[in-house]
Amino acid sequence: MEHGLSILLLAVQDAASSAPAPWWLRWGLLVAGALALAALMVLVQTRHRAPYGAVWALVILLVPVLGPLTYLILETVRHRRQGYRASRGSAERLAAEEPDDDGPTPGPGWGADR
């Protein structure tokens, strides 16, 4: 946890000074932020028992890269073990079924004999 805070403090110090932050620090913060955002989005959409959701939120926010990666991997494994199948969304369920044909109708010059 202290390692993540030291990186964040280094980024803040670089932002306050006139020297630009190194490329690896900017990319690292971008990746860590994207992972945390993705993990938090999955966390909000997943049902957890009372204390576990808050604990996972803290782990995701306080452990920079490993927290979100761990949560995303464990949630994927749990999701697959429960045997969920991909379901059709409401737009797909309500859409009118189109007749099944052999593909697009050939236009001029499409396989036409000359």
PDB file of N, CA and C in Angstrom:
ATOM      1  N   MET A   1       0.821  -1.176   0.000  1.00  0.00           N
ATOM      2  CA  MET A   1       0.000   0.000   0.000  1.00  0.00           C
ATOM      3  C   MET A   1       0.875   1.253   0.000  1.00  0.00           C
ATOM      4  N   GLU A   2       1.950   1.217   0.737  1.00  0.00           N
ATOM      5  CA  GLU A   2       2.829   2.375   0.790  1.00  0.00           C
ATOM      6  C   GLU A   2       3.487   2.621  -0.563  1.00  0.00           C
ATOM      7  N   HIS A   3       3.723   1.545  -1.307  1.00  0.00           N
ATOM      8  CA  HIS A   3       4.330   1.692  -2.629  1.00  0.00           C
ATOM      9  C   HIS A   3       3.404   2.491  -3.545  1.00  0.00           C
ATOM     10  N   GLY A   4       2.107   2.178  -3.519  1.00  0.00           N
ATOM     11  CA  GLY A   4       1.137   2.898  -4.336  1.00  0.00           C
ATOM     12  C   GLY A   4       1.038   4.351  -3.940  1.00  0.00           C
ATOM     13  N   LEU A   5       1.080   4.611  -2.636  1.00  0.00           N
ATOM     14  CA  LEU A   5       1.019   5.994  -2.171  1.00  0.00           C
ATOM     15  C   LEU A   5       2.268   6.765  -2.559  1.00  0.00           C
ATOM     16  N   SER A   6       3.434   6.105  -2.531  1.00  0.00           N
ATOM     17  CA  SER A   6       4.659   6.804  -2.906  1.00  0.00           C
ATOM     18  C   SER A   6       4.647   7.154  -4.392  1.00  0.00           C
ATOM     19  N   ILE A   7       4.090   6.286  -5.225  1.00  0.00           N
ATOM     20  CA  ILE A   7       3.986   6.589  -6.656  1.00  0.00           C
ATOM     21  C   ILE A   7       3.047   7.763  -6.865  1.00  0.00           C
ATOM     22  N   LEU A   8       1.930   7.763  -6.128  1.00  0.00           N
ATOM     23  CA  LEU A   8       0.979   8.859  -6.251  1.00  0.00           C
ATOM     24  C   LEU A   8       1.599  10.172  -5.790  1.00  0.00           C
ATOM     25  N   LEU A   9       2.351  10.131  -4.696  1.00  0.00           N
ATOM     26  CA  LEU A   9       3.014  11.340  -4.207  1.00  0.00           C
ATOM     27  C   LEU A   9       4.055  11.831  -5.207  1.00  0.00           C
ATOM     28  N   LEU A  10       4.767  10.911  -5.844  1.00  0.00           N
ATOM     29  CA  LEU A  10       5.740  11.283  -6.862  1.00  0.00           C
ATOM     30  C   LEU A  10       5.046  11.972  -8.033  1.00  0.00           C
ATOM     31  N   ALA A  11       3.881  11.474  -8.420  1.00  0.00           N
ATOM     32  CA  ALA A  11       3.135  12.090  -9.518  1.00  0.00           C
ATOM     33  C   ALA A  11       2.661  13.486  -9.140  1.00  0.00           C
ATOM     34  N   VAL A  12       2.227  13.650  -7.892  1.00  0.00           N
ATOM     35  CA  VAL A  12       1.765  14.961  -7.442  1.00  0.00           C
ATOM     36  C   VAL A  12       2.934  15.936  -7.388  1.00  0.00           C
ATOM     37  N   GLN A  13       4.086  15.480  -6.903  1.00  0.00           N
ATOM     38  CA  GLN A  13       5.254  16.358  -6.850  1.00  0.00           C
ATOM     39  C   GLN A  13       5.687  16.766  -8.253  1.00  0.00           C
ATOM     40  N   ASP A  14       5.627  15.817  -9.199  1.00  0.00           N
ATOM     41  CA  ASP A  14       6.002  16.142 -10.569  1.00  0.00           C
ATOM     42  C   ASP A  14       5.013  17.118 -11.195  1.00  0.00           C
ATOM     43  N   ALA A  15       3.753  16.991 -10.835  1.00  0.00           N
ATOM     44  CA  ALA A  15       2.747  17.908 -11.371  1.00  0.00           C
ATOM     45  C   ALA A  15       2.958  19.310 -10.820  1.00  0.00           C
ATOM     46  N   ALA A  16       3.427  19.415  -9.583  1.00  0.00           N
ATOM     47  CA  ALA A  16       3.646  20.730  -8.974  1.00  0.00           C
ATOM     48  C   ALA A  16       4.915  21.391  -9.513  1.00  0.00           C
ATOM     49  N   SER A  17       5.890  20.610  -9.906  1.00  0.00           N
ATOM     50  CA  SER A  17       7.132  21.190 -10.422  1.00  0.00           C
ATOM     51  C   SER A  17       6.982  21.461 -11.920  1.00  0.00           C
ATOM     52  N   SER A  18       7.973  22.108 -12.470  1.00  0.00           N
ATOM     53  CA  SER A  18       7.900  22.443 -13.889  1.00  0.00           C
ATOM     54  C   SER A  18       8.351  21.283 -14.772  1.00  0.00           C
ATOM     55  N   ALA A  19       9.066  20.309 -14.213  1.00  0.00           N
ATOM     56  CA  ALA A  19       9.550  19.178 -14.999  1.00  0.00           C
ATOM     57  C   ALA A  19       8.391  18.212 -15.270  1.00  0.00           C
ATOM     58  N   PRO A  20       8.279  17.730 -16.507  1.00  0.00           N
ATOM     59  CA  PRO A  20       7.201  16.782 -16.806  1.00  0.00           C
ATOM     60  C   PRO A  20       7.456  15.422 -16.149  1.00  0.00           C
ATOM     61  N   ALA A  21       6.381  14.729 -15.823  1.00  0.00           N
ATOM     62  CA  ALA A  21       6.498  13.401 -15.210  1.00  0.00           C
ATOM     63  C   ALA A  21       7.036  12.427 -16.250  1.00  0.00           C
ATOM     64  N   PRO A  22       7.788  11.417 -15.812  1.00  0.00           N
ATOM     65  CA  PRO A  22       8.300  10.426 -16.771  1.00  0.00           C
ATOM     66  C   PRO A  22       7.143   9.678 -17.438  1.00  0.00           C
ATOM     67  N   TRP A  23       7.390   9.186 -18.640  1.00  0.00           N
ATOM     68  CA  TRP A  23       6.343   8.519 -19.404  1.00  0.00           C
ATOM     69  C   TRP A  23       5.806   7.305 -18.678  1.00  0.00           C
ATOM     70  N   TRP A  24       6.668   6.531 -18.010  1.00  0.00           N
ATOM     71  CA  TRP A  24       6.226   5.304 -17.353  1.00  0.00           C
ATOM     72  C   TRP A  24       5.297   5.613 -16.189  1.00  0.00           C
ATOM     73  N   LEU A  25       5.498   6.747 -15.533  1.00  0.00           N
ATOM     74  CA  LEU A  25       4.632   7.118 -14.421  1.00  0.00           C
ATOM     75  C   LEU A  25       3.246   7.511 -14.934  1.00  0.00           C
ATOM     76  N   ARG A  26       3.224   8.273 -16.015  1.00  0.00           N
ATOM     77  CA  ARG A  26       1.933   8.666 -16.588  1.00  0.00           C
ATOM     78  C   ARG A  26       1.158   7.458 -17.088  1.00  0.00           C
ATOM     79  N   TRP A  27       1.823   6.549 -17.786  1.00  0.00           N
ATOM     80  CA  TRP A  27       1.164   5.346 -18.276  1.00  0.00           C
ATOM     81  C   TRP A  27       0.745   4.440 -17.126  1.00  0.00           C
ATOM     82  N   GLY A  28       1.593   4.334 -16.114  1.00  0.00           N
ATOM     83  CA  GLY A  28       1.257   3.500 -14.954  1.00  0.00           C
ATOM     84  C   GLY A  28       0.029   4.004 -14.220  1.00  0.00           C
ATOM     85  N   LEU A  29      -0.062   5.318 -14.048  1.00  0.00           N
ATOM     86  CA  LEU A  29      -1.243   5.885 -13.398  1.00  0.00           C
ATOM     87  C   LEU A  29      -2.482   5.712 -14.261  1.00  0.00           C
ATOM     88  N   LEU A  30      -2.331   5.833 -15.565  1.00  0.00           N
ATOM     89  CA  LEU A  30      -3.445   5.636 -16.467  1.00  0.00           C
ATOM     90  C   LEU A  30      -3.952   4.189 -16.412  1.00  0.00           C
ATOM     91  N   VAL A  31      -3.031   3.235 -16.434  1.00  0.00           N
ATOM     92  CA  VAL A  31      -3.411   1.821 -16.371  1.00  0.00           C
ATOM     93  C   VAL A  31      -4.040   1.493 -15.018  1.00  0.00           C
ATOM     94  N   ALA A  32      -3.430   1.979 -13.939  1.00  0.00           N
ATOM     95  CA  ALA A  32      -3.980   1.722 -12.604  1.00  0.00           C
ATOM     96  C   ALA A  32      -5.373   2.322 -12.463  1.00  0.00           C
ATOM     97  N   GLY A  33      -5.570   3.520 -12.983  1.00  0.00           N
ATOM     98  CA  GLY A  33      -6.887   4.153 -12.921  1.00  0.00           C
ATOM     99  C   GLY A  33      -7.919   3.419 -13.752  1.00  0.00           C
ATOM    100  N   ALA A  34      -7.537   2.974 -14.943  1.00  0.00           N
ATOM    101  CA  ALA A  34      -8.467   2.236 -15.807  1.00  0.00           C
ATOM    102  C   ALA A  34      -8.854   0.905 -15.176  1.00  0.00           C
ATOM    103  N   LEU A  35      -7.882   0.209 -14.590  1.00  0.00           N
ATOM    104  CA  LEU A  35      -8.183  -1.060 -13.913  1.00  0.00           C
ATOM    105  C   LEU A  35      -9.107  -0.849 -12.727  1.00  0.00           C
ATOM    106  N   ALA A  36      -8.842   0.186 -11.939  1.00  0.00           N
ATOM    107  CA  ALA A  36      -9.684   0.468 -10.783  1.00  0.00           C
ATOM    108  C   ALA A  36     -11.099   0.823 -11.224  1.00  0.00           C
ATOM    109  N   LEU A  37     -11.221   1.611 -12.274  1.00  0.00           N
ATOM    110  CA  LEU A  37     -12.542   1.982 -12.777  1.00  0.00           C
ATOM    111  C   LEU A  37     -13.305   0.763 -13.281  1.00  0.00           C
ATOM    112  N   ALA A  38     -12.637  -0.095 -14.039  1.00  0.00           N
ATOM    113  CA  ALA A  38     -13.287  -1.309 -14.548  1.00  0.00           C
ATOM    114  C   ALA A  38     -13.721  -2.213 -13.408  1.00  0.00           C
ATOM    115  N   ALA A  39     -12.849  -2.393 -12.410  1.00  0.00           N
ATOM    116  CA  ALA A  39     -13.184  -3.254 -11.280  1.00  0.00           C
ATOM    117  C   ALA A  39     -14.336  -2.659 -10.473  1.00  0.00           C
ATOM    118  N   LEU A  40     -14.353  -1.360 -10.289  1.00  0.00           N
ATOM    119  CA  LEU A  40     -15.456  -0.737  -9.557  1.00  0.00           C
ATOM    120  C   LEU A  40     -16.764  -0.851 -10.326  1.00  0.00           C
ATOM    121  N   MET A  41     -16.723  -0.771 -11.644  1.00  0.00           N
ATOM    122  CA  MET A  41     -17.935  -0.950 -12.444  1.00  0.00           C
ATOM    123  C   MET A  41     -18.483  -2.364 -12.296  1.00  0.00           C
ATOM    124  N   VAL A  42     -17.601  -3.357 -12.299  1.00  0.00           N
ATOM    125  CA  VAL A  42     -18.042  -4.738 -12.105  1.00  0.00           C
ATOM    126  C   VAL A  42     -18.564  -4.926 -10.680  1.00  0.00           C
ATOM    127  N   LEU A  43     -17.891  -4.325  -9.715  1.00  0.00           N
ATOM    128  CA  LEU A  43     -18.309  -4.438  -8.312  1.00  0.00           C
ATOM    129  C   LEU A  43     -19.715  -3.881  -8.097  1.00  0.00           C
ATOM    130  N   VAL A  44     -20.011  -2.748  -8.714  1.00  0.00           N
ATOM    131  CA  VAL A  44     -21.329  -2.130  -8.549  1.00  0.00           C
ATOM    132  C   VAL A  44     -22.425  -3.007  -9.161  1.00  0.00           C
ATOM    133  N   GLN A  45     -22.102  -3.718 -10.227  1.00  0.00           N
ATOM    134  CA  GLN A  45     -23.095  -4.532 -10.909  1.00  0.00           C
ATOM    135  C   GLN A  45     -23.227  -5.938 -10.332  1.00  0.00           C
ATOM    136  N   THR A  46     -22.389  -6.289  -9.370  1.00  0.00           N
ATOM    137  CA  THR A  46     -22.387  -7.630  -8.803  1.00  0.00           C
ATOM    138  C   THR A  46     -22.937  -7.587  -7.386  1.00  0.00           C
ATOM    139  N   ARG A  47     -23.729  -8.582  -7.049  1.00  0.00           N
ATOM    140  CA  ARG A  47     -24.270  -8.654  -5.692  1.00  0.00           C
ATOM    141  C   ARG A  47     -23.269  -9.362  -4.779  1.00  0.00           C
ATOM    142  N   HIS A  48     -22.964  -8.709  -3.672  1.00  0.00           N
ATOM    143  CA  HIS A  48     -22.086  -9.284  -2.658  1.00  0.00           C
ATOM    144  C   HIS A  48     -22.791  -9.196  -1.317  1.00  0.00           C
ATOM    145  N   ARG A  49     -22.429 -10.064  -0.411  1.00  0.00           N
ATOM    146  CA  ARG A  49     -22.973  -9.963   0.946  1.00  0.00           C
ATOM    147  C   ARG A  49     -22.453  -8.678   1.581  1.00  0.00           C
ATOM    148  N   ALA A  50     -23.140  -8.252   2.633  1.00  0.00           N
ATOM    149  CA  ALA A  50     -22.938  -6.919   3.235  1.00  0.00           C
ATOM    150  C   ALA A  50     -21.478  -6.502   3.418  1.00  0.00           C
ATOM    151  N   PRO A  51     -20.646  -7.192   4.181  1.00  0.00           N
ATOM    152  CA  PRO A  51     -19.308  -6.618   4.388  1.00  0.00           C
ATOM    153  C   PRO A  51     -18.377  -6.817   3.194  1.00  0.00           C
ATOM    154  N   TYR A  52     -18.630  -7.821   2.359  1.00  0.00           N
ATOM    155  CA  TYR A  52     -17.679  -8.155   1.304  1.00  0.00           C
ATOM    156  C   TYR A  52     -17.601  -7.094   0.209  1.00  0.00           C
ATOM    157  N   GLY A  53     -18.710  -6.466  -0.117  1.00  0.00           N
ATOM    158  CA  GLY A  53     -18.683  -5.420  -1.131  1.00  0.00           C
ATOM    159  C   GLY A  53     -17.816  -4.242  -0.703  1.00  0.00           C
ATOM    160  N   ALA A  54     -17.949  -3.831   0.552  1.00  0.00           N
ATOM    161  CA  ALA A  54     -17.150  -2.712   1.062  1.00  0.00           C
ATOM    162  C   ALA A  54     -15.673  -3.091   1.152  1.00  0.00           C
ATOM    163  N   VAL A  55     -15.396  -4.321   1.550  1.00  0.00           N
ATOM    164  CA  VAL A  55     -14.000  -4.774   1.645  1.00  0.00           C
ATOM    165  C   VAL A  55     -13.368  -4.796   0.255  1.00  0.00           C
ATOM    166  N   TRP A  56     -14.104  -5.312  -0.742  1.00  0.00           N
ATOM    167  CA  TRP A  56     -13.566  -5.334  -2.097  1.00  0.00           C
ATOM    168  C   TRP A  56     -13.340  -3.921  -2.618  1.00  0.00           C
ATOM    169  N   ALA A  57     -14.239  -2.997  -2.315  1.00  0.00           N
ATOM    170  CA  ALA A  57     -14.061  -1.610  -2.748  1.00  0.00           C
ATOM    171  C   ALA A  57     -12.778  -1.028  -2.160  1.00  0.00           C
ATOM    172  N   LEU A  58     -12.528  -1.305  -0.892  1.00  0.00           N
ATOM    173  CA  LEU A  58     -11.290  -0.814  -0.264  1.00  0.00           C
ATOM    174  C   LEU A  58     -10.055  -1.444  -0.891  1.00  0.00           C
ATOM    175  N   VAL A  59     -10.119  -2.742  -1.147  1.00  0.00           N
ATOM    176  CA  VAL A  59      -8.970  -3.426  -1.768  1.00  0.00           C
ATOM    177  C   VAL A  59      -8.704  -2.844  -3.151  1.00  0.00           C
ATOM    178  N   ILE A  60      -9.770  -2.622  -3.926  1.00  0.00           N
ATOM    179  CA  ILE A  60      -9.615  -2.084  -5.277  1.00  0.00           C
ATOM    180  C   ILE A  60      -8.998  -0.688  -5.236  1.00  0.00           C
ATOM    181  N   LEU A  61      -9.427   0.123  -4.295  1.00  0.00           N
ATOM    182  CA  LEU A  61      -8.950   1.507  -4.246  1.00  0.00           C
ATOM    183  C   LEU A  61      -7.589   1.667  -3.579  1.00  0.00           C
ATOM    184  N   LEU A  62      -7.264   0.802  -2.608  1.00  0.00           N
ATOM    185  CA  LEU A  62      -6.031   0.999  -1.846  1.00  0.00           C
ATOM    186  C   LEU A  62      -4.835   0.187  -2.343  1.00  0.00           C
ATOM    187  N   VAL A  63      -5.067  -0.852  -3.112  1.00  0.00           N
ATOM    188  CA  VAL A  63      -3.965  -1.646  -3.672  1.00  0.00           C
ATOM    189  C   VAL A  63      -3.953  -1.390  -5.173  1.00  0.00           C
ATOM    190  N   PRO A  64      -3.079  -0.511  -5.658  1.00  0.00           N
ATOM    191  CA  PRO A  64      -3.189   0.058  -6.998  1.00  0.00           C
ATOM    192  C   PRO A  64      -3.460  -0.900  -8.157  1.00  0.00           C
ATOM    193  N   VAL A  65      -2.616  -1.791  -8.504  1.00  0.00           N
ATOM    194  CA  VAL A  65      -2.848  -2.622  -9.681  1.00  0.00           C
ATOM    195  C   VAL A  65      -3.298  -4.024  -9.287  1.00  0.00           C
ATOM    196  N   LEU A  66      -2.714  -4.566  -8.248  1.00  0.00           N
ATOM    197  CA  LEU A  66      -3.045  -5.929  -7.841  1.00  0.00           C
ATOM    198  C   LEU A  66      -4.463  -6.068  -7.296  1.00  0.00           C
ATOM    199  N   GLY A  67      -4.982  -5.057  -6.645  1.00  0.00           N
ATOM    200  CA  GLY A  67      -6.346  -5.119  -6.107  1.00  0.00           C
ATOM    201  C   GLY A  67      -7.383  -5.285  -7.199  1.00  0.00           C
ATOM    202  N   PRO A  68      -7.410  -4.383  -8.191  1.00  0.00           N
ATOM    203  CA  PRO A  68      -8.379  -4.549  -9.272  1.00  0.00           C
ATOM    204  C   PRO A  68      -8.174  -5.819 -10.087  1.00  0.00           C
ATOM    205  N   LEU A  69      -6.912  -6.179 -10.371  1.00  0.00           N
ATOM    206  CA  LEU A  69      -6.657  -7.403 -11.125  1.00  0.00           C
ATOM    207  C   LEU A  69      -7.155  -8.632 -10.373  1.00  0.00           C
ATOM    208  N   THR A  70      -6.882  -8.694  -9.075  1.00  0.00           N
ATOM    209  CA  THR A  70      -7.333  -9.820  -8.266  1.00  0.00           C
ATOM    210  C   THR A  70      -8.844  -9.911  -8.271  1.00  0.00           C
ATOM    211  N   TYR A  71      -9.523  -8.779  -8.078  1.00  0.00           N
ATOM    212  CA  TYR A  71     -10.979  -8.796  -8.059  1.00  0.00           C
ATOM    213  C   TYR A  71     -11.538  -9.234  -9.406  1.00  0.00           C
ATOM    214  N   LEU A  72     -11.024  -8.687 -10.500  1.00  0.00           N
ATOM    215  CA  LEU A  72     -11.539  -9.044 -11.819  1.00  0.00           C
ATOM    216  C   LEU A  72     -11.318 -10.518 -12.133  1.00  0.00           C
ATOM    217  N   ILE A  73     -10.163 -11.056 -11.779  1.00  0.00           N
ATOM    218  CA  ILE A  73      -9.881 -12.469 -12.037  1.00  0.00           C
ATOM    219  C   ILE A  73     -10.782 -13.357 -11.184  1.00  0.00           C
ATOM    220  N   LEU A  74     -10.881 -13.069  -9.893  1.00  0.00           N
ATOM    221  CA  LEU A  74     -11.707 -13.903  -9.015  1.00  0.00           C
ATOM    222  C   LEU A  74     -13.190 -13.803  -9.379  1.00  0.00           C
ATOM    223  N   GLU A  75     -13.636 -12.648  -9.776  1.00  0.00           N
ATOM    224  CA  GLU A  75     -15.043 -12.489 -10.162  1.00  0.00           C
ATOM    225  C   GLU A  75     -15.330 -13.225 -11.466  1.00  0.00           C
ATOM    226  N   THR A  76     -14.387 -13.237 -12.398  1.00  0.00           N
ATOM    227  CA  THR A  76     -14.554 -13.984 -13.635  1.00  0.00           C
ATOM    228  C   THR A  76     -14.635 -15.473 -13.357  1.00  0.00           C
ATOM    229  N   VAL A  77     -13.772 -15.973 -12.485  1.00  0.00           N
ATOM    230  CA  VAL A  77     -13.788 -17.396 -12.126  1.00  0.00           C
ATOM    231  C   VAL A  77     -15.109 -17.753 -11.443  1.00  0.00           C
ATOM    232  N   ARG A  78     -15.556 -16.916 -10.513  1.00  0.00           N
ATOM    233  CA  ARG A  78     -16.816 -17.179  -9.814  1.00  0.00           C
ATOM    234  C   ARG A  78     -17.999 -17.160 -10.784  1.00  0.00           C
ATOM    235  N   HIS A  79     -17.988 -16.221 -11.686  1.00  0.00           N
ATOM    236  CA  HIS A  79     -19.061 -16.092 -12.667  1.00  0.00           C
ATOM    237  C   HIS A  79     -19.127 -17.328 -13.563  1.00  0.00           C
ATOM    238  N   ARG A  80     -17.977 -17.817 -13.995  1.00  0.00           N
ATOM    239  CA  ARG A  80     -17.947 -18.995 -14.875  1.00  0.00           C
ATOM    240  C   ARG A  80     -18.304 -20.275 -14.126  1.00  0.00           C
ATOM    241  N   ARG A  81     -17.918 -20.361 -12.870  1.00  0.00           N
ATOM    242  CA  ARG A  81     -18.261 -21.558 -12.093  1.00  0.00           C
ATOM    243  C   ARG A  81     -19.759 -21.681 -11.853  1.00  0.00           C
ATOM    244  N   GLN A  82     -20.433 -20.548 -11.765  1.00  0.00           N
ATOM    245  CA  GLN A  82     -21.875 -20.584 -11.548  1.00  0.00           C
ATOM    246  C   GLN A  82     -22.634 -20.927 -12.817  1.00  0.00           C
ATOM    247  N   GLY A  83     -21.945 -20.999 -13.924  1.00  0.00           N
ATOM    248  CA  GLY A  83     -22.540 -21.462 -15.167  1.00  0.00           C
ATOM    249  C   GLY A  83     -23.463 -20.473 -15.839  1.00  0.00           C
ATOM    250  N   TYR A  84     -23.187 -19.191 -15.712  1.00  0.00           N
ATOM    251  CA  TYR A  84     -24.014 -18.205 -16.384  1.00  0.00           C
ATOM    252  C   TYR A  84     -23.795 -18.292 -17.888  1.00  0.00           C
ATOM    253  N   ARG A  85     -24.872 -18.157 -18.603  1.00  0.00           N
ATOM    254  CA  ARG A  85     -24.802 -18.118 -20.060  1.00  0.00           C
ATOM    255  C   ARG A  85     -25.075 -16.686 -20.505  1.00  0.00           C
ATOM    256  N   ALA A  86     -24.529 -16.351 -21.614  1.00  0.00           N
ATOM    257  CA  ALA A  86     -24.801 -15.017 -22.155  1.00  0.00           C
ATOM    258  C   ALA A  86     -26.279 -14.929 -22.498  1.00  0.00           C
ATOM    259  N   SER A  87     -26.921 -13.878 -22.058  1.00  0.00           N
ATOM    260  CA  SER A  87     -28.346 -13.721 -22.348  1.00  0.00           C
ATOM    261  C   SER A  87     -28.538 -12.584 -23.334  1.00  0.00           C
ATOM    262  N   ARG A  88     -29.652 -12.628 -24.001  1.00  0.00           N
ATOM    263  CA  ARG A  88     -29.958 -11.577 -24.954  1.00  0.00           C
ATOM    264  C   ARG A  88     -30.483 -10.372 -24.201  1.00  0.00           C
ATOM    265  N   GLY A  89     -30.076  -9.195 -24.628  1.00  0.00           N
ATOM    266  CA  GLY A  89     -30.542  -7.968 -24.017  1.00  0.00           C
ATOM    267  C   GLY A  89     -31.972  -7.652 -24.420  1.00  0.00           C
ATOM    268  N   SER A  90     -32.566  -6.640 -23.804  1.00  0.00           N
ATOM    269  CA  SER A  90     -33.963  -6.309 -24.074  1.00  0.00           C
ATOM    270  C   SER A  90     -34.167  -5.892 -25.533  1.00  0.00           C
ATOM    271  N   ALA A  91     -33.210  -5.189 -26.111  1.00  0.00           N
ATOM    272  CA  ALA A  91     -33.356  -4.783 -27.505  1.00  0.00           C
ATOM    273  C   ALA A  91     -33.357  -6.003 -28.426  1.00  0.00           C
ATOM    274  N   GLU A  92     -32.553  -7.002 -28.096  1.00  0.00           N
ATOM    275  CA  GLU A  92     -32.520  -8.209 -28.924  1.00  0.00           C
ATOM    276  C   GLU A  92     -33.779  -9.043 -28.730  1.00  0.00           C
ATOM    277  N   ARG A  93     -34.328  -9.073 -27.511  1.00  0.00           N
ATOM    278  CA  ARG A  93     -35.540  -9.855 -27.270  1.00  0.00           C
ATOM    279  C   ARG A  93     -36.755  -9.221 -27.930  1.00  0.00           C
ATOM    280  N   LEU A  94     -36.793  -7.890 -27.992  1.00  0.00           N
ATOM    281  CA  LEU A  94     -37.958  -7.204 -28.525  1.00  0.00           C
ATOM    282  C   LEU A  94     -37.880  -6.942 -30.026  1.00  0.00           C
ATOM    283  N   ALA A  95     -36.734  -7.158 -30.622  1.00  0.00           N
ATOM    284  CA  ALA A  95     -36.564  -6.899 -32.048  1.00  0.00           C
ATOM    285  C   ALA A  95     -37.358  -7.917 -32.857  1.00  0.00           C
ATOM    286  N   ALA A  96     -37.926  -7.448 -33.951  1.00  0.00           N
ATOM    287  CA  ALA A  96     -38.668  -8.357 -34.826  1.00  0.00           C
ATOM    288  C   ALA A  96     -37.690  -9.310 -35.496  1.00  0.00           C
ATOM    289  N   GLU A  97     -38.101 -10.548 -35.593  1.00  0.00           N
ATOM    290  CA  GLU A  97     -37.250 -11.543 -36.241  1.00  0.00           C
ATOM    291  C   GLU A  97     -37.281 -11.314 -37.746  1.00  0.00           C
ATOM    292  N   GLU A  98     -36.142 -11.339 -38.360  1.00  0.00           N
ATOM    293  CA  GLU A  98     -36.068 -11.180 -39.798  1.00  0.00           C
ATOM    294  C   GLU A  98     -36.042 -12.558 -40.434  1.00  0.00           C
ATOM    295  N   PRO A  99     -36.611 -12.682 -41.614  1.00  0.00           N
ATOM    296  CA  PRO A  99     -36.603 -14.001 -42.267  1.00  0.00           C
ATOM    297  C   PRO A  99     -35.179 -14.426 -42.577  1.00  0.00           C
ATOM    298  N   ASP A 100     -34.936 -15.687 -42.416  1.00  0.00           N
ATOM    299  CA  ASP A 100     -33.605 -16.225 -42.674  1.00  0.00           C
ATOM    300  C   ASP A 100     -33.472 -16.493 -44.166  1.00  0.00           C
ATOM    301  N   ASP A 101     -32.557 -15.834 -44.829  1.00  0.00           N
ATOM    302  CA  ASP A 101     -32.341 -16.068 -46.250  1.00  0.00           C
ATOM    303  C   ASP A 101     -30.887 -16.441 -46.477  1.00  0.00           C
ATOM    304  N   ASP A 102     -30.528 -16.537 -47.692  1.00  0.00           N
ATOM    305  CA  ASP A 102     -29.174 -16.979 -48.027  1.00  0.00           C
ATOM    306  C   ASP A 102     -28.176 -15.842 -48.122  1.00  0.00           C
ATOM    307  N   GLY A 103     -28.502 -14.683 -47.601  1.00  0.00           N
ATOM    308  CA  GLY A 103     -27.572 -13.571 -47.631  1.00  0.00           C
ATOM    309  C   GLY A 103     -28.162 -12.398 -48.367  1.00  0.00           C
ATOM    310  N   PRO A 104     -27.322 -11.441 -48.675  1.00  0.00           N
ATOM    311  CA  PRO A 104     -27.823 -10.239 -49.339  1.00  0.00           C
ATOM    312  C   PRO A 104     -28.255 -10.532 -50.774  1.00  0.00           C
ATOM    313  N   THR A 105     -29.217  -9.769 -51.239  1.00  0.00           N
ATOM    314  CA  THR A 105     -29.678  -9.917 -52.611  1.00  0.00           C
ATOM    315  C   THR A 105     -28.613  -9.351 -53.539  1.00  0.00           C
ATOM    316  N   PRO A 106     -28.230 -10.104 -54.564  1.00  0.00           N
ATOM    317  CA  PRO A 106     -27.191  -9.611 -55.461  1.00  0.00           C
ATOM    318  C   PRO A 106     -27.676  -8.396 -56.234  1.00  0.00           C
ATOM    319  N   GLY A 107     -26.839  -7.419 -56.305  1.00  0.00           N
ATOM    320  CA  GLY A 107     -27.159  -6.205 -57.057  1.00  0.00           C
ATOM    321  C   GLY A 107     -26.569  -6.297 -58.455  1.00  0.00           C
ATOM    322  N   PRO A 108     -26.615  -5.200 -59.172  1.00  0.00           N
ATOM    323  CA  PRO A 108     -26.038  -5.209 -60.520  1.00  0.00           C
ATOM    324  C   PRO A 108     -24.540  -5.493 -60.483  1.00  0.00           C
ATOM    325  N   GLY A 109     -24.118  -6.392 -61.302  1.00  0.00           N
ATOM    326  CA  GLY A 109     -22.703  -6.728 -61.384  1.00  0.00           C
ATOM    327  C   GLY A 109     -22.269  -7.748 -60.354  1.00  0.00           C
ATOM    328  N   TRP A 110     -23.216  -8.201 -59.519  1.00  0.00           N
ATOM    329  CA  TRP A 110     -22.896  -9.196 -58.492  1.00  0.00           C
ATOM    330  C   TRP A 110     -23.123 -10.586 -59.050  1.00  0.00           C
ATOM    331  N   GLY A 111     -22.140 -11.178 -59.541  1.00  0.00           N
ATOM    332  CA  GLY A 111     -22.253 -12.540 -60.040  1.00  0.00           C
ATOM    333  C   GLY A 111     -23.107 -12.647 -61.286  1.00  0.00           C
ATOM    334  N   ALA A 112     -23.452 -11.538 -61.880  1.00  0.00           N
ATOM    335  CA  ALA A 112     -24.275 -11.592 -63.093  1.00  0.00           C
ATOM    336  C   ALA A 112     -23.399 -11.980 -64.255  1.00  0.00           C
ATOM    337  N   ASP A 113     -23.964 -12.809 -65.123  1.00  0.00           N
ATOM    338  CA  ASP A 113     -23.219 -13.220 -66.324  1.00  0.00           C
ATOM    339  C   ASP A 113     -23.204 -12.067 -67.311  1.00  0.00           C
ATOM    340  N   ARG A 114     -22.076 -11.853 -67.886  1.00  0.00           N
ATOM    341  CA  ARG A 114     -21.941 -10.741 -68.843  1.00  0.00           C
ATOM    342  C   ARG A 114     -21.916 -11.236 -70.223  1.00  0.00           C
TER     343      ARG A 114
END
